[in-house]
């Protein structure tokens, strides 16, 4: 990966409270290695802008399960019961 930034190095550049636009749908096409690096670093209070929050343990669902997301802007949360519970709880 000449000239490319490793996910761990890229995650170092994301501050707590950042807004992230994440591609993919139901974890297909989602940057899994980048999400894993964010979870490993424990970057909190994120705002995620995406199509969906996938499912627990997959794609954006990893960020939800880790408690790193403060706000979600998405059109579909129907397959992630953790996101649904957090929305209902306020």
N, C-alpha and C. Protein backbone atom coordinates (compact mmCIF):
# COMPACT_ATOMS: atom_id res chain seq x y z
N UNK A 1 0.83 -1.18 0.00
CA UNK A 1 0.00 0.00 0.00
C UNK A 1 0.88 1.25 0.00
N UNK A 2 1.66 1.40 -0.99
CA UNK A 2 2.56 2.54 -1.09
C UNK A 2 1.74 3.83 -1.17
N UNK A 3 2.03 4.76 -0.27
CA UNK A 3 1.35 6.03 -0.27
C UNK A 3 0.00 6.02 0.44
N UNK A 4 -0.50 4.84 0.77
CA UNK A 4 -1.80 4.75 1.44
C UNK A 4 -1.60 4.78 2.95
N UNK A 5 -2.56 5.35 3.64
CA UNK A 5 -2.52 5.43 5.09
C UNK A 5 -3.12 4.16 5.68
N UNK A 6 -2.43 3.57 6.64
CA UNK A 6 -2.97 2.39 7.31
C UNK A 6 -4.16 2.80 8.17
N UNK A 7 -5.15 1.93 8.35
CA UNK A 7 -6.33 2.29 9.15
C UNK A 7 -5.99 2.79 10.55
N UNK A 8 -4.98 2.18 11.18
CA UNK A 8 -4.60 2.60 12.53
C UNK A 8 -4.08 4.04 12.53
N UNK A 9 -3.29 4.38 11.52
CA UNK A 9 -2.76 5.75 11.42
C UNK A 9 -3.88 6.73 11.10
N UNK A 10 -4.81 6.33 10.26
CA UNK A 10 -5.95 7.20 9.93
C UNK A 10 -6.81 7.43 11.17
N UNK A 11 -7.03 6.39 11.97
CA UNK A 11 -7.85 6.51 13.18
C UNK A 11 -7.22 7.49 14.17
N UNK A 12 -5.90 7.57 14.17
CA UNK A 12 -5.20 8.52 15.05
C UNK A 12 -5.56 9.96 14.72
N UNK A 13 -6.01 10.21 13.51
CA UNK A 13 -6.33 11.56 13.07
C UNK A 13 -7.78 11.97 13.40
N UNK A 14 -8.57 11.04 13.91
CA UNK A 14 -9.98 11.32 14.20
C UNK A 14 -10.11 11.72 15.67
N UNK A 15 -10.59 12.95 15.91
CA UNK A 15 -10.76 13.38 17.31
C UNK A 15 -12.07 12.87 17.90
N UNK A 16 -12.13 12.83 19.22
CA UNK A 16 -13.40 12.51 19.87
C UNK A 16 -14.42 13.58 19.47
N UNK A 17 -15.67 13.17 19.29
CA UNK A 17 -16.72 14.09 18.90
C UNK A 17 -16.79 14.36 17.40
N UNK A 18 -16.01 13.65 16.62
CA UNK A 18 -15.99 13.85 15.17
C UNK A 18 -17.28 13.37 14.52
N UNK A 19 -17.56 13.93 13.34
CA UNK A 19 -18.66 13.45 12.50
C UNK A 19 -18.05 12.64 11.38
N UNK A 20 -18.55 11.41 11.19
CA UNK A 20 -18.03 10.51 10.18
C UNK A 20 -19.12 10.11 9.20
N UNK A 21 -18.86 10.26 7.92
CA UNK A 21 -19.75 9.73 6.89
C UNK A 21 -19.16 8.38 6.48
N UNK A 22 -19.98 7.32 6.61
CA UNK A 22 -19.49 5.97 6.36
C UNK A 22 -20.35 5.33 5.29
N UNK A 23 -19.70 4.81 4.26
CA UNK A 23 -20.42 4.19 3.15
C UNK A 23 -20.80 2.75 3.45
N UNK A 24 -21.48 2.15 2.48
CA UNK A 24 -21.90 0.76 2.59
C UNK A 24 -23.37 0.65 2.97
N UNK A 25 -23.88 -0.56 2.90
CA UNK A 25 -25.24 -0.85 3.32
C UNK A 25 -25.29 -2.23 3.91
N UNK A 26 -25.77 -2.32 5.14
CA UNK A 26 -25.82 -3.58 5.90
C UNK A 26 -24.45 -4.24 5.97
N UNK A 27 -23.44 -3.42 6.14
CA UNK A 27 -22.03 -3.80 6.27
C UNK A 27 -21.37 -4.17 4.94
N UNK A 28 -22.12 -4.28 3.87
CA UNK A 28 -21.52 -4.56 2.56
C UNK A 28 -20.93 -3.26 2.04
N UNK A 29 -19.64 -3.26 1.78
CA UNK A 29 -18.96 -2.07 1.30
C UNK A 29 -18.52 -1.13 2.41
N UNK A 30 -18.73 -1.52 3.65
CA UNK A 30 -18.33 -0.70 4.79
C UNK A 30 -16.83 -0.90 5.05
N UNK A 31 -16.11 0.16 5.43
CA UNK A 31 -14.67 0.04 5.68
C UNK A 31 -14.39 -0.66 7.03
N UNK A 32 -14.47 -1.98 7.02
CA UNK A 32 -14.36 -2.77 8.25
C UNK A 32 -13.05 -2.53 8.99
N UNK A 33 -11.93 -2.49 8.28
CA UNK A 33 -10.65 -2.30 8.96
C UNK A 33 -10.56 -0.93 9.61
N UNK A 34 -11.16 0.06 8.99
CA UNK A 34 -11.17 1.40 9.57
C UNK A 34 -12.05 1.43 10.82
N UNK A 35 -13.21 0.80 10.73
CA UNK A 35 -14.09 0.73 11.90
C UNK A 35 -13.40 -0.02 13.04
N UNK A 36 -12.72 -1.11 12.72
CA UNK A 36 -11.98 -1.86 13.75
C UNK A 36 -10.92 -0.98 14.42
N UNK A 37 -10.24 -0.14 13.63
CA UNK A 37 -9.22 0.75 14.18
C UNK A 37 -9.83 1.81 15.09
N UNK A 38 -11.01 2.31 14.72
CA UNK A 38 -11.71 3.30 15.55
C UNK A 38 -12.14 2.66 16.86
N UNK A 39 -12.68 1.44 16.79
CA UNK A 39 -13.09 0.73 18.00
C UNK A 39 -11.88 0.46 18.89
N UNK A 40 -10.78 0.02 18.30
CA UNK A 40 -9.57 -0.27 19.08
C UNK A 40 -9.05 0.98 19.78
N UNK A 41 -9.16 2.10 19.13
CA UNK A 41 -8.69 3.36 19.72
C UNK A 41 -9.69 3.92 20.73
N UNK A 42 -10.96 3.54 20.62
CA UNK A 42 -11.98 3.97 21.58
C UNK A 42 -12.40 5.43 21.41
N UNK A 43 -12.48 5.89 20.17
CA UNK A 43 -12.86 7.28 19.90
C UNK A 43 -14.34 7.44 20.22
N UNK A 44 -14.68 8.33 21.14
CA UNK A 44 -16.04 8.46 21.65
C UNK A 44 -16.79 9.66 21.09
N UNK A 45 -18.09 9.68 21.40
CA UNK A 45 -18.98 10.80 21.07
C UNK A 45 -19.05 11.09 19.57
N UNK A 46 -19.00 10.05 18.77
CA UNK A 46 -19.04 10.20 17.32
C UNK A 46 -20.45 10.47 16.82
N UNK A 47 -20.55 11.23 15.76
CA UNK A 47 -21.78 11.35 14.99
C UNK A 47 -21.55 10.57 13.72
N UNK A 48 -22.39 9.58 13.45
CA UNK A 48 -22.25 8.75 12.26
C UNK A 48 -23.37 9.09 11.29
N UNK A 49 -22.98 9.40 10.06
CA UNK A 49 -23.91 9.69 8.98
C UNK A 49 -23.75 8.55 7.98
N UNK A 50 -24.82 7.77 7.80
CA UNK A 50 -24.72 6.57 6.96
C UNK A 50 -26.11 6.12 6.52
N UNK A 51 -26.16 5.14 5.65
CA UNK A 51 -27.43 4.56 5.24
C UNK A 51 -28.10 3.82 6.39
N UNK A 52 -27.29 3.14 7.21
CA UNK A 52 -27.82 2.25 8.24
C UNK A 52 -26.77 2.04 9.32
N UNK A 53 -27.14 1.25 10.34
CA UNK A 53 -26.17 0.88 11.38
C UNK A 53 -25.91 -0.63 11.38
N UNK A 54 -26.12 -1.26 10.25
CA UNK A 54 -25.86 -2.70 10.06
C UNK A 54 -26.48 -3.53 11.17
N UNK A 55 -25.70 -4.46 11.73
CA UNK A 55 -26.17 -5.36 12.78
C UNK A 55 -25.10 -5.40 13.87
N UNK A 56 -25.44 -5.81 15.09
CA UNK A 56 -24.41 -5.91 16.13
C UNK A 56 -23.24 -6.79 15.63
N UNK A 57 -22.03 -6.27 15.79
CA UNK A 57 -20.84 -7.03 15.40
C UNK A 57 -20.47 -6.92 13.94
N UNK A 58 -21.23 -6.15 13.16
CA UNK A 58 -20.93 -6.00 11.73
C UNK A 58 -20.94 -4.52 11.36
N UNK A 59 -19.96 -4.11 10.59
CA UNK A 59 -19.93 -2.74 10.09
C UNK A 59 -20.09 -1.71 11.19
N UNK A 60 -20.95 -0.74 10.95
CA UNK A 60 -21.20 0.34 11.89
C UNK A 60 -21.75 -0.19 13.21
N UNK A 61 -22.37 -1.35 13.17
CA UNK A 61 -22.86 -1.97 14.40
C UNK A 61 -21.77 -2.16 15.43
N UNK A 62 -20.51 -2.32 15.00
CA UNK A 62 -19.39 -2.44 15.95
C UNK A 62 -19.22 -1.15 16.75
N UNK A 63 -19.41 -0.01 16.09
CA UNK A 63 -19.29 1.27 16.78
C UNK A 63 -20.43 1.44 17.79
N UNK A 64 -21.63 1.01 17.39
CA UNK A 64 -22.80 1.09 18.28
C UNK A 64 -22.58 0.20 19.50
N UNK A 65 -22.18 -1.05 19.27
CA UNK A 65 -21.96 -2.00 20.37
C UNK A 65 -20.89 -1.53 21.34
N UNK A 66 -19.88 -0.84 20.82
CA UNK A 66 -18.78 -0.36 21.66
C UNK A 66 -19.16 0.92 22.42
N UNK A 67 -20.33 1.48 22.15
CA UNK A 67 -20.77 2.69 22.84
C UNK A 67 -20.03 3.94 22.43
N UNK A 68 -19.54 3.97 21.20
CA UNK A 68 -18.74 5.10 20.73
C UNK A 68 -19.55 6.16 20.00
N UNK A 69 -20.82 5.87 19.69
CA UNK A 69 -21.63 6.77 18.87
C UNK A 69 -22.60 7.57 19.75
N UNK A 70 -22.58 8.88 19.58
CA UNK A 70 -23.50 9.75 20.32
C UNK A 70 -24.75 10.04 19.50
N UNK A 71 -24.58 10.26 18.18
CA UNK A 71 -25.70 10.56 17.29
C UNK A 71 -25.57 9.72 16.02
N UNK A 72 -26.73 9.33 15.49
CA UNK A 72 -26.78 8.62 14.21
C UNK A 72 -27.73 9.38 13.29
N UNK A 73 -27.29 9.60 12.08
CA UNK A 73 -28.14 10.14 11.03
C UNK A 73 -28.19 9.05 9.96
N UNK A 74 -29.30 8.34 9.89
CA UNK A 74 -29.42 7.19 9.00
C UNK A 74 -30.87 7.03 8.57
N UNK A 75 -31.06 6.31 7.49
CA UNK A 75 -32.42 6.07 7.00
C UNK A 75 -32.95 4.69 7.39
N UNK A 76 -32.06 3.79 7.88
CA UNK A 76 -32.49 2.43 8.16
C UNK A 76 -31.76 1.89 9.38
N UNK A 77 -32.49 1.57 10.44
CA UNK A 77 -31.89 0.93 11.62
C UNK A 77 -32.62 -0.36 11.97
N UNK A 78 -33.46 -0.82 11.06
CA UNK A 78 -34.35 -1.94 11.32
C UNK A 78 -33.71 -3.26 11.68
N UNK A 79 -32.46 -3.50 11.31
CA UNK A 79 -31.84 -4.79 11.62
C UNK A 79 -30.84 -4.72 12.77
N UNK A 80 -30.77 -3.56 13.43
CA UNK A 80 -29.86 -3.44 14.57
C UNK A 80 -30.66 -3.14 15.84
N UNK A 81 -30.95 -4.17 16.63
CA UNK A 81 -31.75 -3.96 17.84
C UNK A 81 -31.07 -3.04 18.86
N UNK A 82 -29.74 -2.97 18.86
CA UNK A 82 -29.05 -2.07 19.78
C UNK A 82 -29.32 -0.61 19.42
N UNK A 83 -29.27 -0.29 18.14
CA UNK A 83 -29.58 1.08 17.70
C UNK A 83 -31.03 1.41 18.02
N UNK A 84 -31.93 0.47 17.77
CA UNK A 84 -33.35 0.70 18.04
C UNK A 84 -33.56 1.00 19.52
N UNK A 85 -32.95 0.19 20.40
CA UNK A 85 -33.12 0.37 21.85
C UNK A 85 -32.59 1.73 22.30
N UNK A 86 -31.45 2.15 21.74
CA UNK A 86 -30.88 3.44 22.11
C UNK A 86 -31.76 4.59 21.62
N UNK A 87 -32.37 4.44 20.43
CA UNK A 87 -33.26 5.47 19.91
C UNK A 87 -34.50 5.59 20.80
N UNK A 88 -35.09 4.45 21.17
CA UNK A 88 -36.29 4.46 22.00
C UNK A 88 -35.98 5.04 23.38
N UNK A 89 -34.78 4.78 23.89
CA UNK A 89 -34.39 5.28 25.21
C UNK A 89 -34.05 6.77 25.19
N UNK A 90 -33.97 7.33 23.98
CA UNK A 90 -33.68 8.76 23.86
C UNK A 90 -32.23 9.04 23.68
